[in-house]
Amino acid sequence: MAQAKIPQLQGSFLMRLRGELDFILGRSVREKMITTSGLRLLRPALNSISEVKYSAMNDKRLLDEEQYREFEKFMPAGFSFAGKPENQTVFGYCFDEFDNFGIDRFLFTLDELTEEVSENEKKKGDIAVYYTDYPGLSEIPVHAGLYVGDDVVRSRWINGGPVVEHHMDEFPQRWLTECLWDDFGYSIDFHRKKD
């Protein structure tokens, strides 16, 4: 008996099909047609897609004091909530400042009120400032937090978001942009408030 010939799908076709599906699902998340948690139920492997990560990082429920805990189960490994959302920027958290404490004010305050210390000298309460060596961005901090000891930092997940605890070698923007951080390095400077 002759066997029926089954057409073989080419690898490039399957990759293109997966890419289109990833794009459609990523767009659905960005345009709020589906929630991040709903997407994870449909396709748990999508956690690595940058659109999904961006959506998770910037979901407005993270800014809500009553709803942010919904995201705890979806936090990346090594991250945990350590404080509720407040109207405070990532950089303002380091100086317990509110009222639009942006990058310019952060850099000025860092320069005026702190002194840089080596990683070996860091201690609880020091400010960890994260930089990338991505061309054109190496002079601008991409994230900052407070060192709490045992190689752990506390920082705001996003501006206005909850405080998270994480290993000092990880931070929210690094998790979000793994493809960027794989190609480019990052550095951490530690600063201590002057007496």
N, C-alpha and C. Protein backbone atom coordinates (compact mmCIF):
# COMPACT_ATOMS: atom_id res chain seq x y z
N MET A 1 0.84 -1.17 0.00
CA MET A 1 0.00 0.00 0.00
C MET A 1 0.89 1.24 0.00
N ALA A 2 0.59 2.16 -0.84
CA ALA A 2 1.40 3.38 -0.95
C ALA A 2 1.06 4.33 0.20
N GLN A 3 2.10 4.90 0.78
CA GLN A 3 1.89 5.86 1.87
C GLN A 3 1.58 7.23 1.29
N ALA A 4 0.68 7.90 1.96
CA ALA A 4 0.37 9.25 1.54
C ALA A 4 1.56 10.15 1.85
N LYS A 5 1.84 11.03 0.94
CA LYS A 5 2.96 11.94 1.12
C LYS A 5 2.49 13.13 1.95
N ILE A 6 3.12 13.32 3.10
CA ILE A 6 2.77 14.42 3.99
C ILE A 6 3.74 15.55 3.72
N PRO A 7 3.23 16.72 3.39
CA PRO A 7 4.16 17.83 3.13
C PRO A 7 4.92 18.22 4.39
N GLN A 8 6.18 18.47 4.23
CA GLN A 8 7.03 18.88 5.34
C GLN A 8 7.00 20.42 5.45
N LEU A 9 6.73 20.91 6.63
CA LEU A 9 6.76 22.35 6.84
C LEU A 9 8.21 22.78 7.01
N GLN A 10 8.58 23.79 6.32
CA GLN A 10 9.93 24.29 6.41
C GLN A 10 10.12 25.06 7.71
N GLY A 11 11.32 24.98 8.27
CA GLY A 11 11.63 25.67 9.51
C GLY A 11 11.39 27.17 9.42
N SER A 12 11.75 27.78 8.28
CA SER A 12 11.57 29.22 8.15
C SER A 12 10.09 29.60 8.18
N PHE A 13 9.24 28.75 7.61
CA PHE A 13 7.80 29.01 7.65
C PHE A 13 7.29 28.99 9.09
N LEU A 14 7.74 28.00 9.87
CA LEU A 14 7.30 27.90 11.26
C LEU A 14 7.81 29.09 12.07
N MET A 15 9.04 29.51 11.82
CA MET A 15 9.58 30.67 12.53
C MET A 15 8.80 31.93 12.17
N ARG A 16 8.47 32.08 10.88
CA ARG A 16 7.70 33.24 10.44
C ARG A 16 6.31 33.22 11.07
N LEU A 17 5.69 32.05 11.12
CA LEU A 17 4.37 31.91 11.71
C LEU A 17 4.42 32.26 13.20
N ARG A 18 5.44 31.75 13.91
CA ARG A 18 5.57 32.07 15.34
C ARG A 18 5.81 33.57 15.54
N GLY A 19 6.64 34.16 14.67
CA GLY A 19 6.90 35.59 14.76
C GLY A 19 5.63 36.41 14.58
N GLU A 20 4.78 36.00 13.61
CA GLU A 20 3.53 36.72 13.39
C GLU A 20 2.60 36.56 14.58
N LEU A 21 2.53 35.36 15.15
CA LEU A 21 1.69 35.13 16.31
C LEU A 21 2.19 35.96 17.50
N ASP A 22 3.49 35.97 17.71
CA ASP A 22 4.07 36.76 18.78
C ASP A 22 3.75 38.25 18.60
N PHE A 23 3.83 38.72 17.34
CA PHE A 23 3.53 40.13 17.08
C PHE A 23 2.07 40.44 17.39
N ILE A 24 1.16 39.57 16.95
CA ILE A 24 -0.27 39.78 17.19
C ILE A 24 -0.57 39.77 18.68
N LEU A 25 -0.02 38.81 19.41
CA LEU A 25 -0.27 38.75 20.84
C LEU A 25 0.36 39.93 21.57
N GLY A 26 1.57 40.32 21.16
CA GLY A 26 2.22 41.48 21.76
C GLY A 26 1.41 42.74 21.53
N ARG A 27 0.90 42.90 20.31
CA ARG A 27 0.06 44.06 20.00
C ARG A 27 -1.23 44.03 20.82
N SER A 28 -1.80 42.86 21.00
CA SER A 28 -3.03 42.74 21.79
C SER A 28 -2.81 43.22 23.21
N VAL A 29 -1.64 42.92 23.77
CA VAL A 29 -1.32 43.36 25.12
C VAL A 29 -1.14 44.88 25.14
N ARG A 30 -0.35 45.40 24.20
CA ARG A 30 -0.09 46.84 24.16
C ARG A 30 -1.38 47.65 24.03
N GLU A 31 -2.31 47.15 23.23
CA GLU A 31 -3.55 47.88 22.99
C GLU A 31 -4.64 47.50 23.98
N LYS A 32 -4.26 46.80 25.04
CA LYS A 32 -5.17 46.46 26.15
C LYS A 32 -6.36 45.60 25.71
N MET A 33 -6.16 44.80 24.64
CA MET A 33 -7.21 43.89 24.22
C MET A 33 -7.17 42.61 25.05
N ILE A 34 -6.05 42.37 25.70
CA ILE A 34 -5.90 41.22 26.59
C ILE A 34 -4.95 41.63 27.69
N THR A 35 -5.16 41.14 28.88
CA THR A 35 -4.26 41.49 29.99
C THR A 35 -3.02 40.61 29.94
N THR A 36 -1.99 41.06 30.60
CA THR A 36 -0.76 40.28 30.67
C THR A 36 -1.03 38.93 31.33
N SER A 37 -1.81 38.92 32.40
CA SER A 37 -2.09 37.65 33.07
C SER A 37 -2.89 36.73 32.16
N GLY A 38 -3.82 37.28 31.39
CA GLY A 38 -4.58 36.47 30.44
C GLY A 38 -3.68 35.88 29.37
N LEU A 39 -2.74 36.67 28.91
CA LEU A 39 -1.80 36.20 27.90
C LEU A 39 -0.93 35.08 28.45
N ARG A 40 -0.51 35.20 29.69
CA ARG A 40 0.32 34.16 30.29
C ARG A 40 -0.45 32.85 30.42
N LEU A 41 -1.74 32.94 30.65
CA LEU A 41 -2.55 31.72 30.71
C LEU A 41 -2.61 31.06 29.33
N LEU A 42 -2.69 31.88 28.29
CA LEU A 42 -2.76 31.34 26.94
C LEU A 42 -1.42 30.75 26.49
N ARG A 43 -0.36 31.49 26.71
CA ARG A 43 0.96 31.07 26.25
C ARG A 43 2.02 31.44 27.26
N PRO A 44 2.27 30.61 28.26
CA PRO A 44 3.26 30.96 29.29
C PRO A 44 4.65 31.25 28.73
N ALA A 45 4.99 30.66 27.58
CA ALA A 45 6.33 30.86 27.02
C ALA A 45 6.53 32.28 26.49
N LEU A 46 5.47 33.07 26.44
CA LEU A 46 5.59 34.42 25.90
C LEU A 46 6.26 35.39 26.86
N ASN A 47 6.64 34.95 28.03
CA ASN A 47 7.27 35.84 29.01
C ASN A 47 8.53 36.48 28.46
N SER A 48 9.15 35.86 27.46
CA SER A 48 10.40 36.39 26.94
C SER A 48 10.19 37.44 25.85
N ILE A 49 8.98 37.65 25.39
CA ILE A 49 8.74 38.62 24.33
C ILE A 49 8.77 40.02 24.91
N SER A 50 9.55 40.89 24.30
CA SER A 50 9.76 42.21 24.87
C SER A 50 8.47 43.01 25.01
N GLU A 51 7.52 42.86 24.08
CA GLU A 51 6.26 43.60 24.18
C GLU A 51 5.49 43.18 25.44
N VAL A 52 5.53 41.88 25.74
CA VAL A 52 4.83 41.39 26.93
C VAL A 52 5.52 41.90 28.18
N LYS A 53 6.85 41.86 28.18
CA LYS A 53 7.58 42.38 29.33
C LYS A 53 7.31 43.87 29.51
N TYR A 54 7.30 44.60 28.41
CA TYR A 54 7.04 46.04 28.50
C TYR A 54 5.64 46.28 29.07
N SER A 55 4.69 45.50 28.59
CA SER A 55 3.31 45.63 29.07
C SER A 55 3.23 45.32 30.56
N ALA A 56 3.90 44.27 30.99
CA ALA A 56 3.87 43.89 32.41
C ALA A 56 4.53 44.96 33.27
N MET A 57 5.63 45.52 32.77
CA MET A 57 6.34 46.52 33.55
C MET A 57 5.55 47.81 33.68
N ASN A 58 4.71 48.11 32.71
CA ASN A 58 4.01 49.39 32.68
C ASN A 58 2.50 49.27 32.87
N ASP A 59 2.02 48.13 33.29
CA ASP A 59 0.58 47.95 33.51
C ASP A 59 0.12 48.93 34.59
N LYS A 60 -0.94 49.66 34.31
CA LYS A 60 -1.42 50.68 35.23
C LYS A 60 -1.86 50.11 36.58
N ARG A 61 -2.18 48.83 36.64
CA ARG A 61 -2.56 48.23 37.91
C ARG A 61 -1.40 48.19 38.89
N LEU A 62 -0.18 48.26 38.39
CA LEU A 62 0.99 48.31 39.27
C LEU A 62 1.04 49.61 40.07
N LEU A 63 0.31 50.62 39.62
CA LEU A 63 0.29 51.91 40.30
C LEU A 63 -0.84 51.99 41.33
N ASP A 64 -1.67 50.97 41.35
CA ASP A 64 -2.84 50.97 42.24
C ASP A 64 -2.53 50.22 43.53
N GLU A 65 -2.71 50.89 44.64
CA GLU A 65 -2.39 50.32 45.95
C GLU A 65 -3.17 49.04 46.25
N GLU A 66 -4.36 48.90 45.66
CA GLU A 66 -5.19 47.72 45.92
C GLU A 66 -4.96 46.60 44.91
N GLN A 67 -4.45 46.93 43.71
CA GLN A 67 -4.33 45.93 42.66
C GLN A 67 -2.91 45.43 42.40
N TYR A 68 -1.90 46.15 42.87
CA TYR A 68 -0.52 45.80 42.48
C TYR A 68 -0.12 44.40 42.91
N ARG A 69 -0.67 43.89 44.00
CA ARG A 69 -0.30 42.55 44.50
C ARG A 69 -0.66 41.45 43.51
N GLU A 70 -1.61 41.71 42.59
CA GLU A 70 -1.94 40.73 41.55
C GLU A 70 -0.71 40.31 40.76
N PHE A 71 0.27 41.20 40.68
CA PHE A 71 1.44 40.95 39.84
C PHE A 71 2.55 40.19 40.56
N GLU A 72 2.42 39.99 41.86
CA GLU A 72 3.49 39.34 42.61
C GLU A 72 3.83 37.97 42.04
N LYS A 73 2.80 37.22 41.66
CA LYS A 73 3.06 35.86 41.14
C LYS A 73 3.71 35.89 39.76
N PHE A 74 3.68 37.03 39.09
CA PHE A 74 4.27 37.15 37.77
C PHE A 74 5.64 37.82 37.78
N MET A 75 6.11 38.20 38.96
CA MET A 75 7.40 38.87 39.04
C MET A 75 8.51 37.92 38.59
N PRO A 76 9.55 38.45 37.97
CA PRO A 76 10.67 37.60 37.56
C PRO A 76 11.33 36.97 38.80
N ALA A 77 11.98 35.85 38.59
CA ALA A 77 12.70 35.17 39.67
C ALA A 77 13.67 36.15 40.32
N GLY A 78 13.70 36.15 41.64
CA GLY A 78 14.62 37.01 42.36
C GLY A 78 14.06 38.38 42.71
N PHE A 79 12.85 38.71 42.25
CA PHE A 79 12.21 39.98 42.57
C PHE A 79 11.05 39.72 43.51
N SER A 80 10.87 40.59 44.50
CA SER A 80 9.71 40.48 45.38
C SER A 80 9.29 41.88 45.81
N PHE A 81 8.01 42.03 46.09
CA PHE A 81 7.51 43.34 46.52
C PHE A 81 7.98 43.64 47.94
N ALA A 82 8.37 44.90 48.17
CA ALA A 82 8.83 45.32 49.48
C ALA A 82 8.16 46.62 49.92
N GLY A 83 7.23 47.13 49.12
CA GLY A 83 6.53 48.36 49.46
C GLY A 83 5.47 48.67 48.44
N LYS A 84 4.48 49.43 48.85
CA LYS A 84 3.32 49.72 48.01
C LYS A 84 3.65 50.84 47.00
N PRO A 85 2.81 50.95 45.96
CA PRO A 85 2.98 52.04 45.00
C PRO A 85 2.75 53.39 45.68
N GLU A 86 3.52 54.38 45.28
CA GLU A 86 3.35 55.75 45.76
C GLU A 86 3.71 56.68 44.62
N ASN A 87 3.26 57.91 44.72
CA ASN A 87 3.54 58.90 43.69
C ASN A 87 4.98 59.39 43.84
N GLN A 88 5.91 58.55 43.43
CA GLN A 88 7.33 58.81 43.59
C GLN A 88 8.07 58.20 42.41
N THR A 89 9.08 58.89 41.91
CA THR A 89 9.85 58.34 40.79
C THR A 89 10.87 57.32 41.29
N VAL A 90 11.41 56.56 40.36
CA VAL A 90 12.48 55.60 40.68
C VAL A 90 13.63 56.33 41.35
N PHE A 91 13.99 57.51 40.83
CA PHE A 91 15.13 58.26 41.36
C PHE A 91 14.77 58.99 42.65
N GLY A 92 13.54 59.45 42.77
CA GLY A 92 13.09 60.12 43.99
C GLY A 92 13.10 59.19 45.19
N TYR A 93 12.88 57.90 44.95
CA TYR A 93 12.89 56.91 46.03
C TYR A 93 14.23 56.92 46.78
N CYS A 94 15.30 57.14 46.07
CA CYS A 94 16.64 57.09 46.67
C CYS A 94 16.88 58.21 47.68
N PHE A 95 16.15 59.32 47.54
CA PHE A 95 16.32 60.45 48.46
C PHE A 95 15.03 60.74 49.23
N ASP A 96 14.08 59.80 49.19
CA ASP A 96 12.79 59.95 49.84
C ASP A 96 12.13 61.27 49.43
N GLU A 97 12.22 61.55 48.13
CA GLU A 97 11.67 62.78 47.55
C GLU A 97 10.46 62.44 46.68
N PHE A 98 9.50 63.33 46.67
CA PHE A 98 8.32 63.18 45.83
C PHE A 98 8.32 64.34 44.84
N ASP A 99 7.19 64.71 44.31
CA ASP A 99 7.04 65.90 43.46
C ASP A 99 7.99 65.94 42.26
N ASN A 100 7.81 65.04 41.33
CA ASN A 100 8.51 65.11 40.05
C ASN A 100 10.03 65.11 40.16
N PHE A 101 10.58 64.21 40.91
CA PHE A 101 12.03 64.10 41.09
C PHE A 101 12.60 63.32 39.92
N GLY A 102 12.94 64.04 38.84
CA GLY A 102 13.41 63.40 37.61
C GLY A 102 14.91 63.19 37.56
N ILE A 103 15.39 62.79 36.39
CA ILE A 103 16.79 62.43 36.22
C ILE A 103 17.72 63.63 36.44
N ASP A 104 17.34 64.82 35.95
CA ASP A 104 18.21 65.99 36.14
C ASP A 104 18.38 66.33 37.62
N ARG A 105 17.28 66.34 38.33
CA ARG A 105 17.34 66.64 39.76
C ARG A 105 18.09 65.55 40.52
N PHE A 106 17.90 64.30 40.08
CA PHE A 106 18.62 63.18 40.70
C PHE A 106 20.13 63.35 40.53
N LEU A 107 20.57 63.64 39.31
CA LEU A 107 22.01 63.79 39.06
C LEU A 107 22.59 64.97 39.84
N PHE A 108 21.86 66.08 39.90
CA PHE A 108 22.32 67.24 40.67
C PHE A 108 22.43 66.88 42.15
N THR A 109 21.39 66.24 42.70
CA THR A 109 21.38 65.87 44.12
C THR A 109 22.47 64.85 44.41
N LEU A 110 22.65 63.90 43.52
CA LEU A 110 23.69 62.88 43.68
C LEU A 110 25.06 63.55 43.75
N ASP A 111 25.29 64.51 42.87
CA ASP A 111 26.57 65.22 42.82
C ASP A 111 26.79 66.09 44.07
N GLU A 112 25.73 66.74 44.52
CA GLU A 112 25.85 67.68 45.64
C GLU A 112 25.86 67.00 47.02
N LEU A 113 25.07 65.94 47.18
CA LEU A 113 24.84 65.38 48.52
C LEU A 113 25.48 64.02 48.78
N THR A 114 26.16 63.46 47.79
CA THR A 114 26.75 62.13 48.00
C THR A 114 28.21 62.11 47.54
N GLU A 115 28.87 61.04 47.93
CA GLU A 115 30.21 60.78 47.42
C GLU A 115 30.25 59.33 46.96
N GLU A 116 30.97 59.08 45.89
CA GLU A 116 31.04 57.73 45.34
C GLU A 116 31.92 56.86 46.25
N VAL A 117 31.49 55.61 46.45
CA VAL A 117 32.27 54.64 47.21
C VAL A 117 32.44 53.40 46.34
N SER A 118 33.46 52.63 46.63
CA SER A 118 33.69 51.42 45.83
C SER A 118 32.69 50.33 46.21
N GLU A 119 32.56 49.37 45.33
CA GLU A 119 31.65 48.26 45.61
C GLU A 119 32.05 47.53 46.88
N ASN A 120 33.34 47.44 47.15
CA ASN A 120 33.82 46.77 48.36
C ASN A 120 33.48 47.54 49.64
N GLU A 121 33.27 48.86 49.51
CA GLU A 121 32.96 49.70 50.67
C GLU A 121 31.46 49.92 50.89
N LYS A 122 30.64 49.41 49.98
CA LYS A 122 29.20 49.67 50.06
C LYS A 122 28.63 49.17 51.38
N LYS A 123 27.63 49.89 51.87
CA LYS A 123 26.96 49.46 53.09
C LYS A 123 25.48 49.85 53.02
N LYS A 124 24.73 49.33 53.95
CA LYS A 124 23.29 49.57 53.98
C LYS A 124 23.00 51.07 53.91
N GLY A 125 22.05 51.43 53.04
CA GLY A 125 21.66 52.83 52.89
C GLY A 125 22.34 53.54 51.73
N ASP A 126 23.39 52.94 51.16
CA ASP A 126 24.05 53.55 50.01
C ASP A 126 23.13 53.47 48.80
N ILE A 127 23.34 54.37 47.85
CA ILE A 127 22.53 54.43 46.64
C ILE A 127 23.26 53.66 45.54
N ALA A 128 22.56 52.70 44.93
CA ALA A 128 23.09 51.95 43.79
C ALA A 128 22.56 52.61 42.52
N VAL A 129 23.47 53.05 41.66
CA VAL A 129 23.09 53.72 40.42
C VAL A 129 23.54 52.85 39.25
N TYR A 130 22.60 52.52 38.38
CA TYR A 130 22.86 51.60 37.26
C TYR A 130 23.05 52.38 35.96
N TYR A 131 24.11 52.01 35.22
CA TYR A 131 24.42 52.60 33.92
C TYR A 131 24.58 51.47 32.91
N THR A 132 24.39 51.80 31.63
CA THR A 132 24.68 50.86 30.55
C THR A 132 25.81 51.44 29.72
N ASP A 133 26.51 50.57 28.98
CA ASP A 133 27.53 51.10 28.07
C ASP A 133 26.97 51.16 26.64
N TYR A 134 25.64 51.14 26.53
CA TYR A 134 24.99 51.31 25.23
C TYR A 134 25.38 52.67 24.67
N PRO A 135 25.81 52.73 23.39
CA PRO A 135 26.28 54.00 22.82
C PRO A 135 25.27 55.13 22.99
N GLY A 136 25.74 56.25 23.52
CA GLY A 136 24.90 57.42 23.71
C GLY A 136 24.17 57.46 25.04
N LEU A 137 24.17 56.36 25.80
CA LEU A 137 23.45 56.32 27.07
C LEU A 137 24.35 56.09 28.27
N SER A 138 25.65 56.00 28.05
CA SER A 138 26.55 55.59 29.13
C SER A 138 26.67 56.59 30.27
N GLU A 139 26.31 57.85 30.04
CA GLU A 139 26.41 58.87 31.08
C GLU A 139 25.11 59.05 31.86
N ILE A 140 24.04 58.39 31.42
CA ILE A 140 22.72 58.59 32.00
C ILE A 140 22.33 57.36 32.82
N PRO A 141 22.01 57.52 34.09
CA PRO A 141 21.56 56.36 34.87
C PRO A 141 20.26 55.78 34.28
N VAL A 142 20.18 54.46 34.23
CA VAL A 142 18.96 53.82 33.75
C VAL A 142 18.08 53.35 34.90
N HIS A 143 18.63 53.27 36.11
CA HIS A 143 17.87 52.85 37.28
C HIS A 143 18.68 53.19 38.52
N ALA A 144 18.01 53.21 39.66
CA ALA A 144 18.70 53.46 40.93
C ALA A 144 17.87 52.87 42.06
N GLY A 145 18.54 52.55 43.15
CA GLY A 145 17.85 52.01 44.32
C GLY A 145 18.73 52.14 45.55
N LEU A 146 18.22 51.63 46.66
CA LEU A 146 18.96 51.69 47.93
C LEU A 146 19.50 50.31 48.28
N TYR A 147 20.78 50.27 48.59
CA TYR A 147 21.41 49.01 49.00
C TYR A 147 20.95 48.68 50.42
N VAL A 148 20.48 47.43 50.64
CA VAL A 148 19.98 47.04 51.96
C VAL A 148 20.84 45.96 52.62
N GLY A 149 21.94 45.57 51.98
CA GLY A 149 22.84 44.56 52.53
C GLY A 149 22.70 43.23 51.83
N ASP A 150 23.68 42.36 52.02
CA ASP A 150 23.69 41.02 51.43
C ASP A 150 23.47 41.03 49.92
N ASP A 151 24.06 42.00 49.23
CA ASP A 151 23.96 42.15 47.77
C ASP A 151 22.53 42.34 47.29
N VAL A 152 21.67 42.93 48.12
CA VAL A 152 20.27 43.17 47.78
C VAL A 152 20.01 44.67 47.71
N VAL A 153 19.21 45.07 46.70
CA VAL A 153 18.83 46.46 46.50
C VAL A 153 17.31 46.56 46.52
N ARG A 154 16.80 47.66 47.06
CA ARG A 154 15.37 47.98 46.98
C ARG A 154 15.22 49.18 46.06
N SER A 155 14.26 49.08 45.15
CA SER A 155 14.02 50.19 44.21
C SER A 155 12.57 50.18 43.78
N ARG A 156 12.12 51.27 43.19
CA ARG A 156 10.78 51.32 42.61
C ARG A 156 10.80 50.53 41.31
N TRP A 157 9.78 49.72 41.09
CA TRP A 157 9.67 48.93 39.85
C TRP A 157 9.60 49.87 38.66
N ILE A 158 8.72 50.86 38.73
CA ILE A 158 8.59 51.93 37.75
C ILE A 158 8.24 53.20 38.51
N ASN A 159 8.24 54.33 37.84
CA ASN A 159 7.81 55.56 38.48
C ASN A 159 6.38 55.40 38.98
N GLY A 160 6.18 55.63 40.28
CA GLY A 160 4.86 55.48 40.88
C GLY A 160 4.50 54.06 41.25
N GLY A 161 5.34 53.11 40.91
CA GLY A 161 5.04 51.69 41.15
C GLY A 161 5.49 51.23 42.52
N PRO A 162 5.31 49.93 42.78
CA PRO A 162 5.70 49.38 44.07
C PRO A 162 7.22 49.31 44.22
N VAL A 163 7.66 49.21 45.46
CA VAL A 163 9.08 48.99 45.75
C VAL A 163 9.33 47.49 45.62
N VAL A 164 10.42 47.13 44.96
CA VAL A 164 10.79 45.73 44.81
C VAL A 164 12.17 45.51 45.41
N GLU A 165 12.39 44.31 45.87
CA GLU A 165 13.70 43.89 46.37
C GLU A 165 14.29 42.95 45.33
N HIS A 166 15.57 43.12 45.03
CA HIS A 166 16.21 42.30 44.00
C HIS A 166 17.71 42.24 44.26
N HIS A 167 18.35 41.24 43.69
CA HIS A 167 19.80 41.14 43.78
C HIS A 167 20.40 42.36 43.09
N MET A 168 21.51 42.85 43.58
CA MET A 168 22.09 44.08 43.04
C MET A 168 22.49 43.93 41.56
N ASP A 169 22.70 42.71 41.08
CA ASP A 169 23.06 42.50 39.67
C ASP A 169 21.84 42.44 38.76
N GLU A 170 20.66 42.53 39.31
CA GLU A 170 19.42 42.53 38.52
C GLU A 170 18.67 43.81 38.84
N PHE A 171 17.91 44.29 37.90
CA PHE A 171 17.05 45.44 38.14
C PHE A 171 15.96 45.43 37.06
N PRO A 172 14.83 46.11 37.31
CA PRO A 172 13.70 45.98 36.39
C PRO A 172 14.02 46.23 34.92
N GLN A 173 14.75 47.29 34.61
CA GLN A 173 15.03 47.57 33.21
C GLN A 173 15.91 46.51 32.56
N ARG A 174 16.75 45.87 33.33
CA ARG A 174 17.59 44.80 32.77
C ARG A 174 16.72 43.61 32.39
N TRP A 175 15.77 43.28 33.26
CA TRP A 175 14.86 42.17 32.97
C TRP A 175 14.05 42.47 31.72
N LEU A 176 13.61 43.71 31.58
CA LEU A 176 12.80 44.11 30.43
C LEU A 176 13.58 44.04 29.13
N THR A 177 14.81 44.45 29.15
CA THR A 177 15.58 44.60 27.90
C THR A 177 16.72 43.60 27.83
N GLU A 178 16.44 42.34 28.10
CA GLU A 178 17.52 41.34 28.11
C GLU A 178 18.30 41.31 26.81
N CYS A 179 17.61 41.51 25.68
CA CYS A 179 18.34 41.48 24.42
C CYS A 179 19.37 42.61 24.37
N LEU A 180 19.03 43.78 24.89
CA LEU A 180 19.96 44.90 24.93
C LEU A 180 21.10 44.61 25.89
N TRP A 181 20.77 44.11 27.08
CA TRP A 181 21.80 43.89 28.10
C TRP A 181 22.71 42.72 27.74
N ASP A 182 22.24 41.79 26.89
CA ASP A 182 23.13 40.72 26.46
C ASP A 182 24.21 41.27 25.54
N ASP A 183 23.84 42.26 24.72
CA ASP A 183 24.79 42.83 23.78
C ASP A 183 25.66 43.91 24.41
N PHE A 184 25.13 44.57 25.43
CA PHE A 184 25.83 45.67 26.06
C PHE A 184 25.90 45.42 27.56
N GLY A 185 26.96 45.87 28.16
CA GLY A 185 27.13 45.66 29.59
C GLY A 185 26.47 46.74 30.42
N TYR A 186 26.58 46.60 31.69
CA TYR A 186 26.08 47.60 32.61
C TYR A 186 27.06 47.71 33.76
N SER A 187 26.96 48.79 34.48
CA SER A 187 27.81 48.97 35.65
C SER A 187 26.97 49.56 36.78
N ILE A 188 27.45 49.37 37.99
CA ILE A 188 26.78 49.91 39.16
C ILE A 188 27.77 50.79 39.90
N ASP A 189 27.35 52.01 40.18
CA ASP A 189 28.13 52.89 41.04
C ASP A 189 27.40 52.99 42.37
N PHE A 190 28.15 53.05 43.45
CA PHE A 190 27.55 53.20 44.77
C PHE A 190 27.90 54.59 45.31
N HIS A 191 26.90 55.24 45.89
CA HIS A 191 27.07 56.58 46.44
C HIS A 191 26.57 56.59 47.88
N ARG A 192 27.30 57.29 48.72
CA ARG A 192 26.92 57.42 50.14
C ARG A 192 26.60 58.87 50.43
N LYS A 193 25.50 59.09 51.15
CA LYS A 193 25.11 60.45 51.51
C LYS A 193 26.16 61.04 52.43
N LYS A 194 26.53 62.28 52.14
CA LYS A 194 27.52 62.97 52.98
C LYS A 194 26.91 63.32 54.32
N ASP A 195 27.75 63.34 55.36
CA ASP A 195 27.27 63.70 56.70
C ASP A 195 26.99 65.18 56.81
